[in-house]
C-alpha atoms as a PDB file:
ATOM      1  CA  UNK A   1      -6.199  -2.925 -15.888  1.00  0.00           C
ATOM      2  CA  UNK A   2      -3.465  -1.169 -15.208  1.00  0.00           C
ATOM      3  CA  UNK A   3      -3.516   1.141 -12.567  1.00  0.00           C
ATOM      4  CA  UNK A   4      -0.710   4.631 -11.749  1.00  0.00           C
ATOM      5  CA  UNK A   5      -0.299   5.694  -7.685  1.00  0.00           C
ATOM      6  CA  UNK A   6       1.824   7.892  -6.466  1.00  0.00           C
ATOM      7  CA  UNK A   7       2.387   9.910  -2.664  1.00  0.00           C
ATOM      8  CA  UNK A   8       0.818  13.502  -2.928  1.00  0.00           C
ATOM      9  CA  UNK A   9       3.537  15.043  -3.624  1.00  0.00           C
ATOM     10  CA  UNK A  10       4.764  12.710  -6.392  1.00  0.00           C
ATOM     11  CA  UNK A  11       8.316  11.963  -5.564  1.00  0.00           C
ATOM     12  CA  UNK A  12       7.257   8.333  -5.190  1.00  0.00           C
ATOM     13  CA  UNK A  13       6.131   6.813  -7.825  1.00  0.00           C
ATOM     14  CA  UNK A  14       5.182   3.125  -9.705  1.00  0.00           C
ATOM     15  CA  UNK A  15       2.578   1.429 -11.450  1.00  0.00           C
ATOM     16  CA  UNK A  16       0.411  -1.643 -10.768  1.00  0.00           C
ATOM     17  CA  UNK A  17      -1.339  -4.304 -12.846  1.00  0.00           C
ATOM     18  CA  UNK A  18      -3.940  -6.056 -11.513  1.00  0.00           C
ATOM     19  CA  UNK A  19      -7.721  -6.576 -11.021  1.00  0.00           C
ATOM     20  CA  UNK A  20      -8.922  -4.532  -7.495  1.00  0.00           C
ATOM     21  CA  UNK A  21     -12.336  -6.791  -6.347  1.00  0.00           C
ATOM     22  CA  UNK A  22     -11.504  -5.860  -2.793  1.00  0.00           C
ATOM     23  CA  UNK A  23      -9.907  -3.659  -0.432  1.00  0.00           C
ATOM     24  CA  UNK A  24      -8.679  -4.822   2.988  1.00  0.00           C
ATOM     25  CA  UNK A  25      -9.855  -2.545   6.126  1.00  0.00           C
ATOM     26  CA  UNK A  26      -7.245  -3.210   9.053  1.00  0.00           C
ATOM     27  CA  UNK A  27      -8.141  -1.806  12.432  1.00  0.00           C
ATOM     28  CA  UNK A  28      -4.899  -2.141  13.703  1.00  0.00           C
ATOM     29  CA  UNK A  29      -3.250   1.041  14.808  1.00  0.00           C
ATOM     30  CA  UNK A  30      -1.601   2.019  12.239  1.00  0.00           C
ATOM     31  CA  UNK A  31      -3.588   1.258   9.334  1.00  0.00           C
ATOM     32  CA  UNK A  32      -6.684   3.145  11.666  1.00  0.00           C
ATOM     33  CA  UNK A  33      -4.416   6.061  12.005  1.00  0.00           C
ATOM     34  CA  UNK A  34      -3.140   6.509   8.259  1.00  0.00           C
ATOM     35  CA  UNK A  35      -6.667   5.425   6.926  1.00  0.00           C
ATOM     36  CA  UNK A  36      -5.197   2.627   4.561  1.00  0.00           C
ATOM     37  CA  UNK A  37      -7.119   0.379   2.728  1.00  0.00           C
ATOM     38  CA  UNK A  38      -4.595  -2.339   1.209  1.00  0.00           C
ATOM     39  CA  UNK A  39      -4.753  -3.878  -1.971  1.00  0.00           C
ATOM     40  CA  UNK A  40      -2.503  -6.941  -2.155  1.00  0.00           C
ATOM     41  CA  UNK A  41      -0.499  -8.020  -4.958  1.00  0.00           C
ATOM     42  CA  UNK A  42       2.521  -9.797  -5.538  1.00  0.00           C
ATOM     43  CA  UNK A  43       5.784  -7.380  -5.983  1.00  0.00           C
ATOM     44  CA  UNK A  44       6.071  -8.951  -9.643  1.00  0.00           C
ATOM     45  CA  UNK A  45       3.103  -6.517 -10.543  1.00  0.00           C
ATOM     46  CA  UNK A  46       4.572  -3.521  -9.030  1.00  0.00           C
ATOM     47  CA  UNK A  47       6.316  -1.363 -11.243  1.00  0.00           C
ATOM     48  CA  UNK A  48       8.456   1.306  -9.455  1.00  0.00           C
ATOM     49  CA  UNK A  49       8.735   4.410 -11.359  1.00  0.00           C
ATOM     50  CA  UNK A  50      10.554   7.007  -8.588  1.00  0.00           C
ATOM     51  CA  UNK A  51      11.244   7.076  -5.297  1.00  0.00           C
ATOM     52  CA  UNK A  52      11.482   3.667  -4.060  1.00  0.00           C
ATOM     53  CA  UNK A  53      15.000   4.267  -3.341  1.00  0.00           C
ATOM     54  CA  UNK A  54      14.813   7.634  -1.743  1.00  0.00           C
ATOM     55  CA  UNK A  55      11.644   6.921   0.576  1.00  0.00           C
ATOM     56  CA  UNK A  56      11.450   6.371   3.957  1.00  0.00           C
ATOM     57  CA  UNK A  57      10.621   3.260   6.055  1.00  0.00           C
ATOM     58  CA  UNK A  58       8.749   2.734   8.490  1.00  0.00           C
ATOM     59  CA  UNK A  59       8.604  -0.524  10.624  1.00  0.00           C
ATOM     60  CA  UNK A  60       7.092  -2.227  13.736  1.00  0.00           C
ATOM     61  CA  UNK A  61       5.747  -5.503  15.572  1.00  0.00           C
ATOM     62  CA  UNK A  62       6.916  -7.923  13.912  1.00  0.00           C
ATOM     63  CA  UNK A  63       9.243  -6.069  11.213  1.00  0.00           C
ATOM     64  CA  UNK A  64       8.190  -8.095   8.831  1.00  0.00           C
ATOM     65  CA  UNK A  65       6.324  -5.327   6.835  1.00  0.00           C
ATOM     66  CA  UNK A  66       8.389  -2.330   4.838  1.00  0.00           C
ATOM     67  CA  UNK A  67       6.137   0.516   5.499  1.00  0.00           C
ATOM     68  CA  UNK A  68       7.289   3.605   2.641  1.00  0.00           C
ATOM     69  CA  UNK A  69       6.566   6.910   2.841  1.00  0.00           C
ATOM     70  CA  UNK A  70       7.588  10.121   1.701  1.00  0.00           C
ATOM     71  CA  UNK A  71      10.045  12.457   3.601  1.00  0.00           C
ATOM     72  CA  UNK A  72       8.726  15.288   1.489  1.00  0.00           C
ATOM     73  CA  UNK A  73       4.760  15.061   1.856  1.00  0.00           C
ATOM     74  CA  UNK A  74       4.298  12.131   4.496  1.00  0.00           C
ATOM     75  CA  UNK A  75       2.007  10.580   2.195  1.00  0.00           C
ATOM     76  CA  UNK A  76       2.362   6.229   2.540  1.00  0.00           C
ATOM     77  CA  UNK A  77       1.336   4.592  -0.873  1.00  0.00           C
ATOM     78  CA  UNK A  78       2.554   1.037   0.116  1.00  0.00           C
ATOM     79  CA  UNK A  79       4.552  -1.080   2.370  1.00  0.00           C
ATOM     80  CA  UNK A  80       6.575  -4.227   0.792  1.00  0.00           C
ATOM     81  CA  UNK A  81       6.847  -7.663   3.059  1.00  0.00           C
ATOM     82  CA  UNK A  82       6.581 -11.125   2.146  1.00  0.00           C
ATOM     83  CA  UNK A  83       4.079 -13.680   2.350  1.00  0.00           C
ATOM     84  CA  UNK A  84       3.970 -17.772   2.235  1.00  0.00           C
ATOM     85  CA  UNK A  85       7.385 -17.652  -0.125  1.00  0.00           C
ATOM     86  CA  UNK A  86       6.533 -14.289  -2.186  1.00  0.00           C
ATOM     87  CA  UNK A  87       7.133 -10.906  -2.464  1.00  0.00           C
ATOM     88  CA  UNK A  88       4.118  -8.582  -1.803  1.00  0.00           C
ATOM     89  CA  UNK A  89       3.529  -5.438  -2.314  1.00  0.00           C
ATOM     90  CA  UNK A  90       0.412  -4.039   0.410  1.00  0.00           C
ATOM     91  CA  UNK A  91      -0.715  -1.247  -2.193  1.00  0.00           C
ATOM     92  CA  UNK A  92      -2.369   1.754  -0.021  1.00  0.00           C
ATOM     93  CA  UNK A  93      -5.783   2.457  -2.677  1.00  0.00           C
ATOM     94  CA  UNK A  94      -6.153   5.648  -1.458  1.00  0.00           C
ATOM     95  CA  UNK A  95      -2.723   6.631  -3.467  1.00  0.00           C
ATOM     96  CA  UNK A  96      -4.095   5.371  -6.997  1.00  0.00           C
ATOM     97  CA  UNK A  97      -5.450   7.782  -9.626  1.00  0.00           C
ATOM     98  CA  UNK A  98      -8.709   7.639 -10.761  1.00  0.00           C
ATOM     99  CA  UNK A  99     -10.243   4.712  -8.577  1.00  0.00           C
ATOM    100  CA  UNK A 100     -13.767   4.987  -7.370  1.00  0.00           C
ATOM    101  CA  UNK A 101     -13.070   3.387  -3.576  1.00  0.00           C
ATOM    102  CA  UNK A 102     -16.895   3.086  -3.066  1.00  0.00           C
ATOM    103  CA  UNK A 103     -17.586   1.016  -5.699  1.00  0.00           C
ATOM    104  CA  UNK A 104     -15.075  -1.793  -4.194  1.00  0.00           C
ATOM    105  CA  UNK A 105     -15.957  -3.894  -1.716  1.00  0.00           C
ATOM    106  CA  UNK A 106     -13.975  -2.971   1.771  1.00  0.00           C
ATOM    107  CA  UNK A 107     -13.406  -6.099   3.687  1.00  0.00           C
ATOM    108  CA  UNK A 108     -12.788  -5.914   7.835  1.00  0.00           C
ATOM    109  CA  UNK A 109      -9.343  -7.507   9.396  1.00  0.00           C
ATOM    110  CA  UNK A 110      -9.194  -7.264  12.920  1.00  0.00           C
ATOM    111  CA  UNK A 111      -5.183  -6.342  12.936  1.00  0.00           C
ATOM    112  CA  UNK A 112      -5.919  -5.305  16.856  1.00  0.00           C
ATOM    113  CA  UNK A 113      -6.025  -8.736  17.818  1.00  0.00           C
ATOM    114  CA  UNK A 114      -3.094 -10.033  15.963  1.00  0.00           C
END
């Protein structure tokens, strides 16, 4: 499947390819406060259309994930990092167009304990 995603104002926009078979619902401090529903894909499946170079970046704890957010509308559509040597994108599924989130299983993850 091919999906289009963006921040609220459209300053950050991207396309991503893959099958959304589940979403990770983390209870860590940032995910809880932001309401993230993560879909993890290899960064090679992500095509930045605009805004990656002008996005604001937030890192915390280990600093390994670069949480990108729009400096205009504040929306946080994705994070970038690495897992086992592979560049990864953590897509905030709430920022994808035309996805019925209620139809996708949400897997709880205890990020507060990690």
